[in-house]
Amino acid sequence: MEKVPYLGKSLTRWRVGQSTFLVMPEMGARLMNWNITLADGSVRDVIYWPELTTLDNFHLVRGGNPVLFPFNGRCFDRGEIFFWRSPDGVKRAIPIHGIARQGEFKITSIDARGFSAQFLPGDEARAAYPFDYDFVITYRFEATALSCEYALTNRGTVPLPWCAGHHFYFTLPWSEGTKRSDYSIRIPATKRMKQDKTGTLVSGPDLQPEENVGNPALIDTFHSALRNNEVVFGEKGRPGAVTVKLGTAGVPAPENCFVTWTLADDSPFYCVEPWMGPANSPEHKIGLHQVAPGMTQKFSVSVSVR
């Protein structure tokens, strides 16, 4: 573990076995890059990070693993985007993916295998999510894997609503000379949904258990009612596949979901996102969890390469 200068600030670099992890815990608790040194000495990026010249709008960079909290995706209040109605009946503004990815964190523990960091909500965050809470993120790093746990503790007197998630930007394609259609993905979903322009969940596409990653029908789809907690994707017939696990139970809760997304046909990344539930949960309630006063709830995911 070491500090490395980066665009006027510093990031922390962990080397664990053949893996290197780059993080700026204080800025959104964001994992920026994960790469693996292969047996032939070449380096494979698992988590994509672009070349930057400035840290302005760091939270909008398409790369790494932005933290989605307290809600995933786009929230709506009665059809109006980027608002939600809190339990006290007040309509509140909230950005896409919530308030943490653009927020500050303080490191609460750090060692050679990872760190924990606590969210420090500013004025905008407190206005959007007006509760008394501790939100802590813990990363643990391994030679060819990582795990990340969210822990939300209710310090107040009213229940805390939340439906958090991850936005992993995976490098894809990762082998020279390949294209997105050379990769396949296995998603054990029995229900698929999309979000319409008013925030309502509508039926999604009919997909096979194993699909070509180049299939455009995968974009912006919520895959739920999962038969197990693993999504696996990789090059057809070659080692090095990525496995993303949602939670620790073999079969997740029915409202838990994976989201598949990318920006364009030629984007150097593909996002496979484990979420507690689909977007706009405060309104439709699917996947919306409540943390009772004095209690803590956790949401964990893991990623491995094999």
Protein backbone atom coordinates (compact mmCIF):
# COMPACT_ATOMS: atom_id res chain seq x y z
CA MET A 1 0.00 0.00 0.00
CA GLU A 2 1.40 3.38 -1.01
CA LYS A 3 0.40 6.93 -1.85
CA VAL A 4 0.85 8.06 -5.46
CA PRO A 5 0.59 11.68 -6.74
CA TYR A 6 -2.34 12.14 -9.12
CA LEU A 7 -3.41 15.43 -10.74
CA GLY A 8 -2.58 17.53 -7.72
CA LYS A 9 -3.90 15.08 -5.14
CA SER A 10 -2.89 11.57 -4.17
CA LEU A 11 -4.40 8.18 -4.67
CA THR A 12 -3.70 4.98 -2.78
CA ARG A 13 -2.28 1.97 -4.57
CA TRP A 14 -2.57 -1.57 -3.26
CA ARG A 15 -0.61 -4.46 -4.71
CA VAL A 16 -2.00 -7.85 -3.69
CA GLY A 17 -0.52 -10.82 -5.47
CA GLN A 18 -0.74 -10.17 -9.19
CA SER A 19 -3.40 -7.45 -8.77
CA THR A 20 -3.04 -3.68 -8.42
CA PHE A 21 -5.92 -1.56 -7.10
CA LEU A 22 -6.09 2.25 -7.33
CA VAL A 23 -8.50 4.19 -5.11
CA MET A 24 -9.16 7.75 -3.91
CA PRO A 25 -11.12 6.87 -0.74
CA GLU A 26 -11.70 10.50 0.22
CA MET A 27 -13.34 11.30 -3.15
CA GLY A 28 -16.50 9.24 -3.31
CA ALA A 29 -14.84 6.11 -1.86
CA ARG A 30 -14.31 5.27 -5.49
CA LEU A 31 -12.34 2.32 -6.78
CA MET A 32 -10.74 3.76 -9.90
CA ASN A 33 -8.80 0.92 -11.50
CA TRP A 34 -8.03 -2.74 -10.99
CA ASN A 35 -5.46 -4.42 -13.19
CA ILE A 36 -3.84 -7.85 -13.18
CA THR A 37 -0.31 -8.74 -14.30
CA LEU A 38 -0.54 -11.91 -16.39
CA ALA A 39 1.97 -14.74 -16.56
CA ASP A 40 3.58 -13.34 -19.72
CA GLY A 41 4.17 -9.97 -18.03
CA SER A 42 1.37 -8.14 -19.82
CA VAL A 43 -1.21 -6.19 -17.85
CA ARG A 44 -4.97 -6.61 -18.15
CA ASP A 45 -7.30 -3.89 -16.92
CA VAL A 46 -10.30 -5.43 -15.18
CA ILE A 47 -11.88 -2.16 -14.03
CA TYR A 48 -11.62 0.58 -16.66
CA TRP A 49 -10.31 4.09 -15.92
CA PRO A 50 -9.74 6.73 -18.63
CA GLU A 51 -6.80 9.09 -18.98
CA LEU A 52 -7.66 12.39 -17.24
CA THR A 53 -6.11 15.84 -17.27
CA THR A 54 -8.19 17.27 -14.42
CA LEU A 55 -10.18 16.10 -11.41
CA ASP A 56 -13.00 18.55 -12.17
CA ASN A 57 -16.33 16.69 -12.20
CA PHE A 58 -14.56 13.61 -10.91
CA HIS A 59 -17.90 12.02 -9.99
CA LEU A 60 -19.01 12.14 -13.65
CA VAL A 61 -16.00 10.22 -14.99
CA ARG A 62 -17.09 7.08 -16.79
CA GLY A 63 -14.88 4.54 -15.11
CA GLY A 64 -14.09 2.76 -11.88
CA ASN A 65 -16.91 1.86 -9.52
CA PRO A 66 -19.07 4.84 -8.51
CA VAL A 67 -21.03 4.38 -5.27
CA LEU A 68 -24.80 4.52 -5.77
CA PHE A 69 -26.47 5.67 -2.54
CA PRO A 70 -29.09 6.02 -1.16
CA PHE A 71 -30.93 5.15 -4.39
CA ASN A 72 -29.90 3.71 -7.74
CA GLY A 73 -30.54 5.28 -11.10
CA ARG A 74 -33.12 7.95 -11.79
CA CYS A 75 -35.74 8.80 -9.20
CA PHE A 76 -39.09 10.36 -10.09
CA ASP A 77 -41.81 12.05 -8.10
CA ARG A 78 -45.15 11.69 -9.88
CA GLY A 79 -43.42 11.67 -13.25
CA GLU A 80 -40.92 14.46 -12.53
CA ILE A 81 -37.35 13.26 -12.88
CA PHE A 82 -34.59 13.80 -10.28
CA PHE A 83 -36.99 14.12 -7.36
CA TRP A 84 -38.29 11.77 -4.71
CA ARG A 85 -40.94 12.10 -2.01
CA SER A 86 -39.54 11.37 1.42
CA PRO A 87 -41.62 9.69 4.14
CA ASP A 88 -42.48 13.10 5.63
CA GLY A 89 -44.29 13.96 2.40
CA VAL A 90 -41.70 16.49 1.18
CA LYS A 91 -40.64 16.49 -2.47
CA ARG A 92 -36.84 16.52 -2.53
CA ALA A 93 -34.32 16.94 -5.34
CA ILE A 94 -31.91 14.04 -5.80
CA PRO A 95 -29.32 13.52 -8.57
CA ILE A 96 -29.07 10.39 -10.65
CA HIS A 97 -27.48 7.62 -8.56
CA GLY A 98 -27.86 9.62 -5.36
CA ILE A 99 -25.50 11.68 -3.22
CA ALA A 100 -22.41 9.63 -2.34
CA ARG A 101 -20.41 9.37 -5.57
CA GLN A 102 -19.86 13.16 -5.55
CA GLY A 103 -19.38 13.34 -1.77
CA GLU A 104 -16.50 13.33 0.66
CA PHE A 105 -15.49 10.35 2.79
CA LYS A 106 -13.11 9.97 5.70
CA ILE A 107 -10.94 6.88 6.04
CA THR A 108 -11.80 5.02 9.25
CA SER A 109 -9.38 2.13 8.77
CA ILE A 110 -6.76 1.16 6.21
CA ASP A 111 -4.24 -1.68 5.84
CA ALA A 112 -2.41 -3.72 3.24
CA ARG A 113 -5.61 -5.46 2.10
CA GLY A 114 -8.12 -2.64 1.90
CA PHE A 115 -9.90 0.17 3.70
CA SER A 116 -13.12 1.43 5.29
CA ALA A 117 -14.44 4.95 4.73
CA GLN A 118 -17.42 6.86 6.13
CA PHE A 119 -19.57 9.24 4.11
CA LEU A 120 -19.54 12.90 5.19
CA PRO A 121 -22.79 14.38 3.84
CA GLY A 122 -22.68 18.04 2.87
CA ASP A 123 -25.57 20.51 2.66
CA GLU A 124 -26.88 19.19 -0.66
CA ALA A 125 -26.75 15.61 0.60
CA ARG A 126 -28.55 16.49 3.83
CA ALA A 127 -31.28 18.30 1.90
CA ALA A 128 -31.73 15.34 -0.44
CA TYR A 129 -31.63 12.69 2.29
CA PRO A 130 -32.53 14.33 5.64
CA PHE A 131 -31.70 11.56 8.09
CA ASP A 132 -29.24 10.86 10.89
CA TYR A 133 -27.08 7.95 9.76
CA ASP A 134 -23.64 6.46 9.23
CA PHE A 135 -22.85 5.09 5.78
CA VAL A 136 -19.59 3.12 5.66
CA ILE A 137 -17.93 1.40 2.70
CA THR A 138 -15.38 -1.38 3.18
CA TYR A 139 -13.21 -2.77 0.37
CA ARG A 140 -11.11 -5.92 0.71
CA PHE A 141 -8.59 -6.82 -1.98
CA GLU A 142 -7.27 -10.24 -2.98
CA ALA A 143 -4.90 -11.60 -5.63
CA THR A 144 -7.61 -12.00 -8.28
CA ALA A 145 -10.71 -10.69 -6.51
CA LEU A 146 -12.28 -7.93 -4.47
CA SER A 147 -15.24 -7.54 -2.16
CA CYS A 148 -17.14 -4.42 -1.14
CA GLU A 149 -19.60 -4.00 1.72
CA TYR A 150 -21.99 -1.13 2.34
CA ALA A 151 -23.17 -0.67 5.94
CA LEU A 152 -25.97 1.79 6.75
CA THR A 153 -26.62 2.50 10.44
CA ASN A 154 -29.70 4.42 11.53
CA ARG A 155 -28.76 6.96 14.22
CA GLY A 156 -32.17 8.62 14.16
CA THR A 157 -35.70 7.91 15.32
CA VAL A 158 -37.44 7.15 12.00
CA PRO A 159 -36.83 4.32 9.52
CA LEU A 160 -34.21 4.90 6.81
CA PRO A 161 -35.24 4.06 3.22
CA TRP A 162 -32.49 2.93 0.87
CA CYS A 163 -31.82 0.95 -2.30
CA ALA A 164 -28.11 1.18 -3.09
CA GLY A 165 -25.80 -0.42 -5.63
CA HIS A 166 -22.61 -0.46 -7.66
CA HIS A 167 -21.70 0.79 -11.14
CA PHE A 168 -18.69 -1.31 -12.15
CA TYR A 169 -17.12 -0.14 -15.42
CA PHE A 170 -15.44 -3.30 -16.67
CA THR A 171 -12.84 -3.09 -19.42
CA LEU A 172 -14.33 -4.86 -22.43
CA PRO A 173 -13.07 -5.98 -24.84
CA TRP A 174 -9.91 -6.89 -22.95
CA SER A 175 -8.00 -8.96 -25.51
CA GLU A 176 -6.33 -7.29 -28.47
CA GLY A 177 -8.14 -7.86 -31.73
CA THR A 178 -11.47 -8.78 -30.13
CA LYS A 179 -14.75 -6.92 -30.20
CA ARG A 180 -17.76 -6.84 -27.88
CA SER A 181 -19.59 -9.52 -29.85
CA ASP A 182 -16.73 -11.97 -29.08
CA TYR A 183 -17.89 -12.02 -25.44
CA SER A 184 -20.85 -13.70 -23.79
CA ILE A 185 -22.66 -13.10 -20.50
CA ARG A 186 -24.66 -15.45 -18.28
CA ILE A 187 -27.35 -13.79 -16.18
CA PRO A 188 -29.59 -16.13 -14.11
CA ALA A 189 -32.66 -13.89 -14.27
CA THR A 190 -36.27 -14.97 -14.68
CA LYS A 191 -37.70 -11.44 -14.94
CA ARG A 192 -36.48 -8.42 -16.91
CA MET A 193 -37.64 -4.83 -16.75
CA LYS A 194 -36.86 -1.38 -18.08
CA GLN A 195 -37.76 2.13 -16.88
CA ASP A 196 -39.95 4.38 -19.02
CA LYS A 197 -39.79 8.17 -19.25
CA THR A 198 -42.01 8.62 -16.19
CA GLY A 199 -40.00 6.27 -13.97
CA THR A 200 -42.48 3.41 -14.27
CA LEU A 201 -41.13 -0.13 -14.57
CA VAL A 202 -42.19 -1.86 -17.78
CA SER A 203 -41.58 -5.33 -19.16
CA GLY A 204 -38.10 -5.86 -20.55
CA PRO A 205 -36.80 -7.93 -23.45
CA ASP A 206 -36.93 -11.70 -23.73
CA LEU A 207 -33.34 -12.88 -23.30
CA GLN A 208 -31.58 -16.20 -23.11
CA PRO A 209 -29.71 -17.31 -19.96
CA GLU A 210 -26.51 -16.79 -21.95
CA GLU A 211 -26.39 -13.83 -24.33
CA ASN A 212 -23.89 -12.21 -26.65
CA VAL A 213 -22.58 -9.06 -24.94
CA GLY A 214 -23.09 -7.23 -28.23
CA ASN A 215 -26.87 -7.70 -28.03
CA PRO A 216 -28.31 -4.16 -27.78
CA ALA A 217 -31.36 -5.48 -25.91
CA LEU A 218 -29.15 -5.84 -22.81
CA ILE A 219 -28.66 -2.07 -22.51
CA ASP A 220 -30.53 -0.43 -19.60
CA THR A 221 -32.18 -3.69 -18.58
CA PHE A 222 -32.90 -4.72 -14.98
CA HIS A 223 -32.42 -8.48 -14.53
CA SER A 224 -34.27 -9.69 -11.42
CA ALA A 225 -35.89 -12.74 -9.80
CA LEU A 226 -32.43 -14.31 -9.93
CA ARG A 227 -32.00 -18.08 -9.66
CA ASN A 228 -28.54 -17.56 -8.16
CA ASN A 229 -26.31 -14.63 -7.26
CA GLU A 230 -23.64 -14.91 -10.00
CA VAL A 231 -23.26 -13.14 -13.33
CA VAL A 232 -20.34 -14.43 -15.43
CA PHE A 233 -19.00 -12.84 -18.62
CA GLY A 234 -15.95 -13.34 -20.77
CA GLU A 235 -14.45 -14.37 -24.07
CA LYS A 236 -16.10 -17.37 -25.61
CA GLY A 237 -13.99 -20.46 -25.06
CA ARG A 238 -11.12 -18.68 -23.27
CA PRO A 239 -10.12 -18.31 -19.60
CA GLY A 240 -10.18 -15.04 -17.70
CA ALA A 241 -13.93 -14.65 -17.22
CA VAL A 242 -15.26 -12.16 -14.67
CA THR A 243 -17.73 -13.27 -12.00
CA VAL A 244 -19.85 -10.70 -10.16
CA LYS A 245 -21.69 -11.91 -7.06
CA LEU A 246 -24.64 -10.06 -5.56
CA GLY A 247 -24.86 -10.66 -1.83
CA THR A 248 -23.75 -13.71 0.11
CA ALA A 249 -26.88 -15.85 -0.20
CA GLY A 250 -26.90 -18.40 -2.99
CA VAL A 251 -30.26 -17.05 -4.15
CA PRO A 252 -30.74 -13.29 -3.71
CA ALA A 253 -33.98 -11.61 -2.66
CA PRO A 254 -36.39 -11.49 -5.61
CA GLU A 255 -36.19 -7.69 -5.91
CA ASN A 256 -32.37 -7.64 -6.13
CA CYS A 257 -31.15 -7.15 -9.67
CA PHE A 258 -28.25 -6.77 -12.05
CA VAL A 259 -28.17 -3.94 -14.57
CA THR A 260 -26.35 -4.15 -17.90
CA TRP A 261 -25.34 -0.92 -19.65
CA THR A 262 -22.78 0.78 -21.85
CA LEU A 263 -22.61 4.17 -23.51
CA ALA A 264 -21.95 3.39 -27.16
CA ASP A 265 -21.03 0.58 -29.52
CA ASP A 266 -17.36 1.54 -29.38
CA SER A 267 -17.10 2.31 -25.65
CA PRO A 268 -14.07 0.57 -24.09
CA PHE A 269 -16.16 -0.49 -21.09
CA TYR A 270 -19.24 -2.53 -20.25
CA CYS A 271 -21.11 -2.10 -16.97
CA VAL A 272 -22.47 -5.01 -14.95
CA GLU A 273 -24.10 -3.50 -11.89
CA PRO A 274 -25.39 -5.35 -8.80
CA TRP A 275 -28.24 -3.36 -7.21
CA MET A 276 -30.50 -3.86 -4.20
CA GLY A 277 -33.46 -3.17 -6.50
CA PRO A 278 -34.44 -1.39 -9.73
CA ALA A 279 -34.34 2.37 -10.23
CA ASN A 280 -36.99 4.67 -8.68
CA SER A 281 -37.51 2.41 -5.66
CA PRO A 282 -38.84 5.22 -3.40
CA GLU A 283 -41.87 5.50 -5.68
CA HIS A 284 -42.67 1.92 -6.75
CA LYS A 285 -41.20 0.38 -3.53
CA ILE A 286 -39.62 -2.62 -5.31
CA GLY A 287 -36.26 -3.22 -3.67
CA LEU A 288 -36.75 -0.38 -1.18
CA HIS A 289 -35.33 -1.43 2.20
CA GLN A 290 -35.99 0.17 5.58
CA VAL A 291 -33.40 0.39 8.36
CA ALA A 292 -35.09 0.59 11.76
CA PRO A 293 -33.80 3.12 14.34
CA GLY A 294 -30.64 1.85 16.04
CA MET A 295 -30.14 -0.92 13.49
CA THR A 296 -27.60 -1.55 10.70
CA GLN A 297 -28.20 -3.12 7.30
CA LYS A 298 -25.47 -4.32 4.96
CA PHE A 299 -25.18 -4.94 1.23
CA SER A 300 -22.16 -6.80 -0.11
CA VAL A 301 -20.84 -7.75 -3.52
CA SER A 302 -17.71 -9.43 -4.85
CA VAL A 303 -15.88 -9.63 -8.16
CA SER A 304 -13.34 -12.26 -9.24
CA VAL A 305 -11.38 -13.21 -12.34
CA ARG A 306 -10.83 -16.84 -13.21
